[in-house]
N, C-alpha and C. Protein backbone atom coordinates (compact mmCIF):
# COMPACT_ATOMS: atom_id res chain seq x y z
N MET A 1 233.61 89.67 139.69
CA MET A 1 232.29 88.85 140.18
C MET A 1 231.68 88.55 138.69
N LEU A 2 230.99 87.51 138.70
CA LEU A 2 230.27 87.29 137.83
C LEU A 2 228.99 87.84 137.52
N PHE A 3 228.38 87.94 138.55
CA PHE A 3 226.85 88.70 138.61
C PHE A 3 227.17 89.84 138.97
N LYS A 4 227.33 91.01 138.09
CA LYS A 4 227.77 92.47 138.83
C LYS A 4 226.50 92.91 138.80
N LYS A 5 226.13 93.87 139.82
CA LYS A 5 225.09 94.88 139.58
C LYS A 5 225.62 96.08 139.01
N ASP A 6 225.01 96.51 138.18
CA ASP A 6 225.32 97.72 137.30
C ASP A 6 224.10 98.58 136.95
N LYS A 7 224.41 99.93 136.91
CA LYS A 7 223.39 100.61 136.73
C LYS A 7 222.76 100.76 135.39
N GLU A 8 223.81 100.11 134.45
CA GLU A 8 223.51 100.19 133.13
C GLU A 8 222.60 98.72 132.83
N MET A 9 222.45 98.04 133.71
CA MET A 9 221.80 97.09 133.70
C MET A 9 220.52 96.82 133.71
N ILE A 10 219.70 97.88 134.49
CA ILE A 10 218.48 98.43 134.67
C ILE A 10 218.09 99.15 133.71
N HIS A 11 216.89 98.71 133.18
CA HIS A 11 216.48 99.88 132.49
C HIS A 11 214.82 99.80 132.27
N PHE A 12 214.49 101.07 132.64
CA PHE A 12 213.10 101.47 132.82
C PHE A 12 212.26 101.70 131.59
N SER A 13 211.46 101.64 131.50
CA SER A 13 210.83 101.97 130.11
C SER A 13 209.77 103.04 130.43
N GLY A 14 209.39 103.98 129.69
CA GLY A 14 208.52 105.02 129.79
C GLY A 14 207.27 104.63 129.24
N ARG A 15 206.99 103.47 128.63
CA ARG A 15 205.68 103.03 128.29
C ARG A 15 204.88 102.81 129.37
N ARG A 16 203.55 102.84 129.04
CA ARG A 16 202.24 102.84 130.08
C ARG A 16 201.18 102.29 129.34
N HIS A 17 200.30 101.92 130.13
CA HIS A 17 198.82 101.61 129.48
C HIS A 17 197.85 102.87 129.18
N THR A 18 197.56 102.86 128.17
CA THR A 18 196.68 104.16 127.85
C THR A 18 195.17 103.77 128.14
N LYS A 19 194.77 104.89 128.66
CA LYS A 19 193.27 104.79 129.18
C LYS A 19 192.23 104.38 128.19
N THR A 20 192.94 105.22 126.92
CA THR A 20 191.84 104.50 125.70
C THR A 20 191.63 103.23 125.38
N GLY A 21 192.81 102.70 125.53
CA GLY A 21 193.05 101.09 125.36
C GLY A 21 192.62 100.11 126.46
N ILE A 22 192.49 100.68 127.65
CA ILE A 22 191.76 100.14 128.66
C ILE A 22 190.18 100.20 128.58
N ALA A 23 189.74 101.49 128.25
CA ALA A 23 188.19 101.70 128.05
C ALA A 23 187.69 100.93 126.92
N SER A 24 188.68 100.61 125.79
CA SER A 24 188.20 100.10 124.69
C SER A 24 188.04 98.54 124.72
N THR A 25 188.81 98.03 125.85
CA THR A 25 188.88 96.56 126.16
C THR A 25 187.50 96.37 127.11
N ALA A 26 187.37 97.18 127.96
CA ALA A 26 185.92 97.35 128.89
C ALA A 26 184.75 97.35 127.93
N ILE A 27 184.69 98.36 126.82
CA ILE A 27 183.65 98.30 126.16
C ILE A 27 183.57 97.20 125.40
N GLY A 28 184.69 96.56 125.03
CA GLY A 28 184.49 95.15 124.21
C GLY A 28 183.64 94.25 125.14
N GLY A 29 184.27 94.06 126.30
CA GLY A 29 183.79 93.03 127.15
C GLY A 29 182.36 93.43 127.40
N PHE A 30 181.87 94.42 127.54
CA PHE A 30 180.47 94.89 127.93
C PHE A 30 179.62 94.42 126.58
N VAL A 31 180.03 94.64 125.53
CA VAL A 31 179.41 94.35 124.04
C VAL A 31 179.09 92.98 124.33
N ILE A 32 180.18 92.13 124.55
CA ILE A 32 180.07 90.51 124.62
C ILE A 32 179.21 90.37 125.51
N LEU A 33 179.21 90.67 126.58
CA LEU A 33 178.24 90.46 127.77
C LEU A 33 176.70 90.93 127.18
N GLY A 34 176.49 91.92 126.59
CA GLY A 34 175.27 92.49 126.33
C GLY A 34 174.68 91.68 125.20
N PHE A 35 175.52 91.03 124.21
CA PHE A 35 175.29 90.31 123.03
C PHE A 35 174.56 88.92 123.65
N LEU A 36 175.37 88.47 124.81
CA LEU A 36 174.98 87.10 125.35
C LEU A 36 173.59 87.37 125.96
N ALA A 37 173.41 88.52 126.60
CA ALA A 37 172.16 88.59 127.25
C ALA A 37 170.97 88.81 126.51
N LEU A 38 171.37 89.78 125.21
CA LEU A 38 170.39 89.46 123.94
C LEU A 38 169.98 88.31 123.40
N SER A 39 171.22 87.27 123.33
CA SER A 39 170.92 86.23 122.52
C SER A 39 170.05 85.32 123.64
N ILE A 40 170.50 85.12 124.71
CA ILE A 40 169.33 84.43 125.63
C ILE A 40 167.87 84.89 125.76
N SER A 41 168.04 86.19 125.86
CA SER A 41 166.39 86.76 126.25
C SER A 41 165.83 86.54 124.77
N SER A 42 166.57 86.51 123.85
CA SER A 42 165.82 86.29 122.47
C SER A 42 165.34 85.01 122.35
N SER A 43 166.12 84.05 122.69
CA SER A 43 165.96 82.54 122.80
C SER A 43 164.67 81.95 123.48
N THR A 44 164.70 82.79 124.95
CA THR A 44 163.73 82.22 125.76
C THR A 44 162.21 82.93 125.12
N VAL A 45 162.20 84.05 124.15
CA VAL A 45 160.91 84.31 123.88
C VAL A 45 160.85 83.81 122.20
N ARG A 46 161.34 82.75 121.78
CA ARG A 46 161.64 82.05 120.66
C ARG A 46 161.56 83.06 119.40
N GLY A 47 162.48 83.68 119.57
CA GLY A 47 162.91 85.15 118.24
C GLY A 47 161.58 86.22 118.18
N ASN A 48 160.83 86.12 119.14
CA ASN A 48 159.74 86.95 118.99
C ASN A 48 160.23 88.31 120.06
N GLY A 49 161.31 88.58 120.16
CA GLY A 49 161.76 89.65 121.12
C GLY A 49 161.26 91.01 120.79
N GLY A 50 160.93 91.46 119.45
CA GLY A 50 160.25 92.56 119.25
C GLY A 50 161.48 93.58 118.90
N MET A 51 160.82 94.80 118.90
CA MET A 51 161.55 96.10 118.58
C MET A 51 162.70 96.45 119.67
N LEU A 52 162.33 96.16 120.99
CA LEU A 52 163.49 96.58 121.93
C LEU A 52 164.77 95.69 121.86
N LEU A 53 164.53 94.57 121.69
CA LEU A 53 165.89 93.93 121.60
C LEU A 53 166.59 94.00 120.38
N GLY A 54 165.96 94.65 119.00
CA GLY A 54 166.59 95.11 117.72
C GLY A 54 167.22 96.18 118.19
N VAL A 55 166.82 97.36 119.08
CA VAL A 55 167.34 98.65 119.00
C VAL A 55 168.56 98.29 120.12
N LEU A 56 168.18 97.61 121.16
CA LEU A 56 169.65 97.23 121.84
C LEU A 56 170.49 96.64 121.16
N GLY A 57 170.11 95.98 120.33
CA GLY A 57 171.41 95.21 119.41
C GLY A 57 172.22 96.23 118.61
N ILE A 58 171.51 97.06 117.90
CA ILE A 58 171.95 98.40 117.11
C ILE A 58 172.92 99.07 117.88
N LEU A 59 172.33 99.56 119.27
CA LEU A 59 172.98 100.29 120.13
C LEU A 59 174.31 99.41 120.66
N LEU A 60 174.48 98.32 120.53
CA LEU A 60 175.35 97.60 120.82
C LEU A 60 176.34 97.53 119.64
N PHE A 61 176.15 97.49 118.77
CA PHE A 61 176.58 97.58 117.31
C PHE A 61 177.54 99.12 117.41
N GLY A 62 176.95 99.96 117.86
CA GLY A 62 177.35 101.26 117.76
C GLY A 62 178.40 101.68 118.85
N LEU A 63 178.12 100.95 120.09
CA LEU A 63 179.40 100.95 121.12
C LEU A 63 180.43 100.08 120.72
N SER A 64 180.30 98.99 119.86
CA SER A 64 181.60 98.43 119.37
C SER A 64 182.09 99.12 118.43
N VAL A 65 181.52 99.76 117.41
CA VAL A 65 182.38 100.68 116.77
C VAL A 65 183.13 101.70 117.32
N PHE A 66 182.37 102.34 118.29
CA PHE A 66 183.14 103.38 119.03
C PHE A 66 184.30 102.77 120.12
N GLY A 67 184.05 101.57 120.39
CA GLY A 67 185.24 101.11 121.06
C GLY A 67 186.63 100.81 120.24
N PHE A 68 186.30 100.23 118.84
CA PHE A 68 187.20 100.22 118.07
C PHE A 68 187.95 101.27 117.76
N TYR A 69 187.00 102.42 117.41
CA TYR A 69 187.68 103.55 117.44
C TYR A 69 188.81 104.23 118.52
N LEU A 70 188.12 103.86 119.65
CA LEU A 70 189.28 104.16 120.80
C LEU A 70 190.34 103.56 120.69
N SER A 71 190.32 101.93 120.55
CA SER A 71 191.65 101.42 120.26
C SER A 71 192.28 101.90 119.10
N TYR A 72 191.88 102.29 118.12
CA TYR A 72 192.57 103.27 116.81
C TYR A 72 193.09 104.29 117.49
N LYS A 73 192.57 105.02 118.27
CA LYS A 73 193.20 106.43 118.88
C LYS A 73 194.56 106.05 119.66
N ALA A 74 194.05 104.75 120.47
CA ALA A 74 195.33 104.48 121.52
C ALA A 74 196.72 103.58 120.55
N PHE A 75 196.23 103.04 119.32
CA PHE A 75 197.20 102.59 118.54
C PHE A 75 198.28 104.00 118.27
N LYS A 76 197.82 104.94 118.11
CA LYS A 76 198.31 106.16 117.45
C LYS A 76 199.41 106.69 118.56
N LYS A 77 199.20 106.42 119.52
CA LYS A 77 199.90 107.07 120.90
C LYS A 77 201.31 106.39 120.93
N LYS A 78 202.36 107.14 121.34
CA LYS A 78 203.81 106.97 121.26
C LYS A 78 204.20 106.35 122.78
N ASP A 79 205.01 105.31 123.00
CA ASP A 79 205.51 104.73 124.10
C ASP A 79 204.51 103.92 124.98
N ILE A 80 203.80 103.23 124.39
CA ILE A 80 202.64 102.68 125.24
C ILE A 80 202.73 100.92 124.96
N PHE A 81 202.18 100.31 126.24
CA PHE A 81 201.91 98.82 126.09
C PHE A 81 200.96 98.44 124.91
N TYR A 82 200.86 97.77 124.41
CA TYR A 82 199.86 97.49 123.10
C TYR A 82 198.78 96.45 123.39
N ARG A 83 199.11 95.75 124.74
CA ARG A 83 197.91 94.67 125.15
C ARG A 83 196.52 95.02 125.16
N TYR A 84 196.38 96.17 125.85
CA TYR A 84 194.89 96.57 125.94
C TYR A 84 194.23 97.01 124.78
N PRO A 85 194.88 97.89 123.56
CA PRO A 85 194.66 98.16 122.47
C PRO A 85 194.16 97.21 121.53
N VAL A 86 195.21 95.93 121.77
CA VAL A 86 195.03 94.88 120.65
C VAL A 86 194.01 94.16 121.18
N ILE A 87 193.59 94.10 122.32
CA ILE A 87 192.44 93.09 123.08
C ILE A 87 191.18 93.90 122.62
N GLY A 88 191.22 95.17 122.63
CA GLY A 88 190.35 96.13 122.60
C GLY A 88 189.47 96.37 121.09
N ALA A 89 190.62 96.34 120.07
CA ALA A 89 190.59 96.11 118.52
C ALA A 89 189.89 95.00 118.18
N SER A 90 190.50 93.96 118.78
CA SER A 90 189.83 92.36 118.46
C SER A 90 188.22 92.27 118.93
N LEU A 91 188.21 92.44 120.26
CA LEU A 91 186.96 92.15 120.57
C LEU A 91 185.87 92.92 119.84
N ASN A 92 186.01 94.36 119.86
CA ASN A 92 185.14 95.18 119.18
C ASN A 92 184.99 94.76 117.72
N GLY A 93 186.21 94.45 117.24
CA GLY A 93 186.27 94.39 115.50
C GLY A 93 185.46 93.41 115.29
N VAL A 94 185.49 92.10 116.10
CA VAL A 94 184.92 90.74 116.09
C VAL A 94 183.28 91.14 116.14
N MET A 95 183.21 91.92 117.20
CA MET A 95 181.67 91.85 117.43
C MET A 95 180.98 92.80 116.40
N ALA A 96 181.60 94.04 116.16
CA ALA A 96 180.93 94.74 115.05
C ALA A 96 180.76 93.93 113.70
N ILE A 97 181.60 92.91 113.34
CA ILE A 97 181.40 91.83 112.13
C ILE A 97 180.21 91.20 112.38
N LEU A 98 180.46 90.57 113.83
CA LEU A 98 179.07 89.80 113.94
C LEU A 98 177.98 90.35 113.89
N PHE A 99 177.71 91.67 114.45
CA PHE A 99 176.36 92.54 114.27
C PHE A 99 176.16 92.70 112.86
N LEU A 100 176.91 92.97 112.04
CA LEU A 100 176.62 93.33 110.57
C LEU A 100 176.17 92.02 110.09
N VAL A 101 177.11 91.05 110.15
CA VAL A 101 176.45 89.43 109.53
C VAL A 101 174.76 89.30 110.13
N LEU A 102 174.88 89.29 111.06
CA LEU A 102 173.41 89.16 111.87
C LEU A 102 172.17 90.08 111.20
N TYR A 103 172.63 91.26 110.82
CA TYR A 103 171.83 92.08 110.35
C TYR A 103 171.60 92.02 108.95
N ILE A 104 172.48 91.75 108.31
CA ILE A 104 172.61 91.47 106.76
C ILE A 104 171.78 90.17 106.60
N LEU A 105 171.89 88.94 107.17
CA LEU A 105 171.22 87.83 107.37
C LEU A 105 169.57 88.05 107.74
N GLY A 106 169.36 88.83 108.82
CA GLY A 106 167.97 89.31 109.02
C GLY A 106 167.27 90.25 108.10
N ILE A 107 168.04 90.83 107.14
CA ILE A 107 167.33 91.67 106.05
C ILE A 107 167.14 90.53 104.75
N ILE A 108 168.07 89.80 104.67
CA ILE A 108 167.84 88.93 103.25
C ILE A 108 166.82 87.41 103.61
N VAL A 109 166.86 87.32 104.93
CA VAL A 109 166.17 86.12 105.23
C VAL A 109 164.63 86.81 105.60
């Protein structure tokens, strides 16, 4: 027979999705949504949002750094799927860099 079903043809993987990787991705999505909300609310008041928007932005920056740390911890685990840690590291890393650039430009200007 050409299509022989054999026990050796079936390979089950012991890999799984890590909770830290999923949490990192969720935090990255939350940070992006928070950034969009802060950007929209800042533009509606024409840049005069005050300290509240600045503090919320700093909290979002800290949250993105924490999300990046969680994805780093997920990368260290063995036998995992790397989809969620990579997505979480990408989202949180880009957002952390974006927040840093915004704050540096705010200090300079």
